[in-house]
Protein backbone atom coordinates (compact mmCIF):
# COMPACT_ATOMS: atom_id res chain seq x y z
CA UNK A 1 0.00 0.00 0.00
CA UNK A 2 1.20 3.52 -0.71
CA UNK A 3 0.39 6.93 0.70
CA UNK A 4 0.92 10.12 -1.26
CA UNK A 5 1.35 13.43 0.53
CA UNK A 6 1.73 16.73 -1.31
CA UNK A 7 3.75 19.32 0.57
CA UNK A 8 4.15 23.04 0.32
CA UNK A 9 7.57 24.33 -0.72
CA UNK A 10 8.41 25.45 2.83
CA UNK A 11 7.53 22.14 4.54
CA UNK A 12 10.15 20.59 6.84
CA UNK A 13 10.67 17.42 4.85
CA UNK A 14 13.40 15.94 7.04
CA UNK A 15 11.27 16.33 10.20
CA UNK A 16 8.26 14.81 8.47
CA UNK A 17 10.38 11.88 7.28
CA UNK A 18 11.69 11.25 10.81
CA UNK A 19 8.18 11.33 12.25
CA UNK A 20 6.82 8.93 9.63
CA UNK A 21 9.70 6.49 10.12
CA UNK A 22 8.77 6.18 13.81
CA UNK A 23 5.21 5.07 13.11
CA UNK A 24 4.60 1.34 13.50
CA UNK A 25 3.79 -0.37 10.21
CA UNK A 26 5.70 2.00 7.93
CA UNK A 27 8.38 0.08 6.01
CA UNK A 28 10.05 3.00 4.30
CA UNK A 29 9.67 6.69 3.49
CA UNK A 30 10.67 7.99 0.07
CA UNK A 31 10.83 11.66 -0.80
CA UNK A 32 10.34 12.71 -4.43
CA UNK A 33 10.33 16.13 -5.98
CA UNK A 34 8.76 14.88 -9.20
CA UNK A 35 5.50 16.57 -10.08
CA UNK A 36 3.26 15.45 -12.88
CA UNK A 37 2.86 18.19 -15.43
CA UNK A 38 -0.95 18.17 -15.73
CA UNK A 39 -0.96 20.19 -18.93
CA UNK A 40 1.56 17.90 -20.62
CA UNK A 41 -0.32 14.81 -19.38
CA UNK A 42 -3.67 16.10 -20.67
CA UNK A 43 -2.12 16.99 -24.04
CA UNK A 44 -0.62 13.53 -24.40
CA UNK A 45 -3.88 11.88 -23.38
CA UNK A 46 -5.81 13.94 -25.95
CA UNK A 47 -3.33 12.94 -28.67
CA UNK A 48 -3.74 9.26 -27.80
CA UNK A 49 -7.54 9.54 -27.78
CA UNK A 50 -7.58 11.36 -31.13
CA UNK A 51 -5.31 8.71 -32.67
CA UNK A 52 -7.53 5.92 -31.26
CA UNK A 53 -10.67 7.51 -32.71
CA UNK A 54 -8.93 8.00 -36.06
CA UNK A 55 -7.83 4.35 -36.14
CA UNK A 56 -11.31 3.14 -35.18
CA UNK A 57 -12.85 5.26 -37.95
CA UNK A 58 -10.43 3.69 -40.44
CA UNK A 59 -11.29 0.16 -39.30
CA UNK A 60 -7.98 -0.38 -37.54
CA UNK A 61 -9.15 -1.87 -34.27
CA UNK A 62 -7.92 -4.55 -31.89
CA UNK A 63 -10.18 -6.73 -29.82
CA UNK A 64 -9.55 -5.95 -26.16
CA UNK A 65 -9.48 -9.27 -24.40
CA UNK A 66 -9.35 -9.49 -20.60
CA UNK A 67 -5.73 -10.67 -20.90
CA UNK A 68 -4.74 -7.66 -22.99
CA UNK A 69 -6.50 -5.27 -20.61
CA UNK A 70 -4.70 -6.88 -17.65
CA UNK A 71 -1.36 -6.42 -19.44
CA UNK A 72 -2.14 -2.77 -20.19
CA UNK A 73 -3.37 -1.83 -16.71
CA UNK A 74 -0.85 -3.65 -14.49
C-alpha atoms as a PDB file:
ATOM      1  CA  UNK A   1       0.000   0.000   0.000  1.00  0.00           C
ATOM      2  CA  UNK A   2       1.200   3.521  -0.709  1.00  0.00           C
ATOM      3  CA  UNK A   3       0.390   6.928   0.705  1.00  0.00           C
ATOM      4  CA  UNK A   4       0.921  10.122  -1.260  1.00  0.00           C
ATOM      5  CA  UNK A   5       1.345  13.428   0.534  1.00  0.00           C
ATOM      6  CA  UNK A   6       1.725  16.734  -1.307  1.00  0.00           C
ATOM      7  CA  UNK A   7       3.748  19.319   0.571  1.00  0.00           C
ATOM      8  CA  UNK A   8       4.151  23.039   0.319  1.00  0.00           C
ATOM      9  CA  UNK A   9       7.572  24.332  -0.719  1.00  0.00           C
ATOM     10  CA  UNK A  10       8.411  25.446   2.826  1.00  0.00           C
ATOM     11  CA  UNK A  11       7.535  22.136   4.540  1.00  0.00           C
ATOM     12  CA  UNK A  12      10.146  20.594   6.843  1.00  0.00           C
ATOM     13  CA  UNK A  13      10.673  17.420   4.852  1.00  0.00           C
ATOM     14  CA  UNK A  14      13.403  15.935   7.043  1.00  0.00           C
ATOM     15  CA  UNK A  15      11.269  16.330  10.195  1.00  0.00           C
ATOM     16  CA  UNK A  16       8.261  14.811   8.472  1.00  0.00           C
ATOM     17  CA  UNK A  17      10.376  11.877   7.276  1.00  0.00           C
ATOM     18  CA  UNK A  18      11.693  11.247  10.811  1.00  0.00           C
ATOM     19  CA  UNK A  19       8.176  11.334  12.249  1.00  0.00           C
ATOM     20  CA  UNK A  20       6.818   8.927   9.633  1.00  0.00           C
ATOM     21  CA  UNK A  21       9.702   6.488  10.119  1.00  0.00           C
ATOM     22  CA  UNK A  22       8.775   6.179  13.815  1.00  0.00           C
ATOM     23  CA  UNK A  23       5.209   5.065  13.109  1.00  0.00           C
ATOM     24  CA  UNK A  24       4.597   1.337  13.496  1.00  0.00           C
ATOM     25  CA  UNK A  25       3.787  -0.375  10.207  1.00  0.00           C
ATOM     26  CA  UNK A  26       5.703   2.004   7.932  1.00  0.00           C
ATOM     27  CA  UNK A  27       8.376   0.084   6.012  1.00  0.00           C
ATOM     28  CA  UNK A  28      10.047   3.004   4.296  1.00  0.00           C
ATOM     29  CA  UNK A  29       9.672   6.690   3.489  1.00  0.00           C
ATOM     30  CA  UNK A  30      10.666   7.988   0.070  1.00  0.00           C
ATOM     31  CA  UNK A  31      10.832  11.656  -0.803  1.00  0.00           C
ATOM     32  CA  UNK A  32      10.340  12.708  -4.425  1.00  0.00           C
ATOM     33  CA  UNK A  33      10.326  16.133  -5.985  1.00  0.00           C
ATOM     34  CA  UNK A  34       8.756  14.884  -9.198  1.00  0.00           C
ATOM     35  CA  UNK A  35       5.504  16.565 -10.078  1.00  0.00           C
ATOM     36  CA  UNK A  36       3.256  15.446 -12.879  1.00  0.00           C
ATOM     37  CA  UNK A  37       2.863  18.194 -15.431  1.00  0.00           C
ATOM     38  CA  UNK A  38      -0.946  18.169 -15.725  1.00  0.00           C
ATOM     39  CA  UNK A  39      -0.961  20.192 -18.934  1.00  0.00           C
ATOM     40  CA  UNK A  40       1.559  17.898 -20.624  1.00  0.00           C
ATOM     41  CA  UNK A  41      -0.318  14.805 -19.379  1.00  0.00           C
ATOM     42  CA  UNK A  42      -3.666  16.097 -20.672  1.00  0.00           C
ATOM     43  CA  UNK A  43      -2.124  16.988 -24.036  1.00  0.00           C
ATOM     44  CA  UNK A  44      -0.617  13.527 -24.402  1.00  0.00           C
ATOM     45  CA  UNK A  45      -3.878  11.876 -23.376  1.00  0.00           C
ATOM     46  CA  UNK A  46      -5.807  13.941 -25.946  1.00  0.00           C
ATOM     47  CA  UNK A  47      -3.327  12.940 -28.665  1.00  0.00           C
ATOM     48  CA  UNK A  48      -3.741   9.262 -27.798  1.00  0.00           C
ATOM     49  CA  UNK A  49      -7.537   9.542 -27.782  1.00  0.00           C
ATOM     50  CA  UNK A  50      -7.577  11.364 -31.125  1.00  0.00           C
ATOM     51  CA  UNK A  51      -5.310   8.705 -32.668  1.00  0.00           C
ATOM     52  CA  UNK A  52      -7.530   5.924 -31.261  1.00  0.00           C
ATOM     53  CA  UNK A  53     -10.673   7.509 -32.714  1.00  0.00           C
ATOM     54  CA  UNK A  54      -8.927   8.003 -36.065  1.00  0.00           C
ATOM     55  CA  UNK A  55      -7.829   4.346 -36.144  1.00  0.00           C
ATOM     56  CA  UNK A  56     -11.312   3.141 -35.184  1.00  0.00           C
ATOM     57  CA  UNK A  57     -12.854   5.255 -37.950  1.00  0.00           C
ATOM     58  CA  UNK A  58     -10.427   3.686 -40.444  1.00  0.00           C
ATOM     59  CA  UNK A  59     -11.292   0.164 -39.302  1.00  0.00           C
ATOM     60  CA  UNK A  60      -7.982  -0.383 -37.539  1.00  0.00           C
ATOM     61  CA  UNK A  61      -9.145  -1.871 -34.272  1.00  0.00           C
ATOM     62  CA  UNK A  62      -7.919  -4.545 -31.891  1.00  0.00           C
ATOM     63  CA  UNK A  63     -10.180  -6.733 -29.822  1.00  0.00           C
ATOM     64  CA  UNK A  64      -9.550  -5.947 -26.164  1.00  0.00           C
ATOM     65  CA  UNK A  65      -9.478  -9.266 -24.398  1.00  0.00           C
ATOM     66  CA  UNK A  66      -9.351  -9.492 -20.602  1.00  0.00           C
ATOM     67  CA  UNK A  67      -5.730 -10.670 -20.895  1.00  0.00           C
ATOM     68  CA  UNK A  68      -4.745  -7.658 -22.985  1.00  0.00           C
ATOM     69  CA  UNK A  69      -6.498  -5.275 -20.605  1.00  0.00           C
ATOM     70  CA  UNK A  70      -4.700  -6.879 -17.648  1.00  0.00           C
ATOM     71  CA  UNK A  71      -1.365  -6.417 -19.439  1.00  0.00           C
ATOM     72  CA  UNK A  72      -2.138  -2.768 -20.185  1.00  0.00           C
ATOM     73  CA  UNK A  73      -3.371  -1.831 -16.709  1.00  0.00           C
ATOM     74  CA  UNK A  74      -0.845  -3.648 -14.494  1.00  0.00           C
END
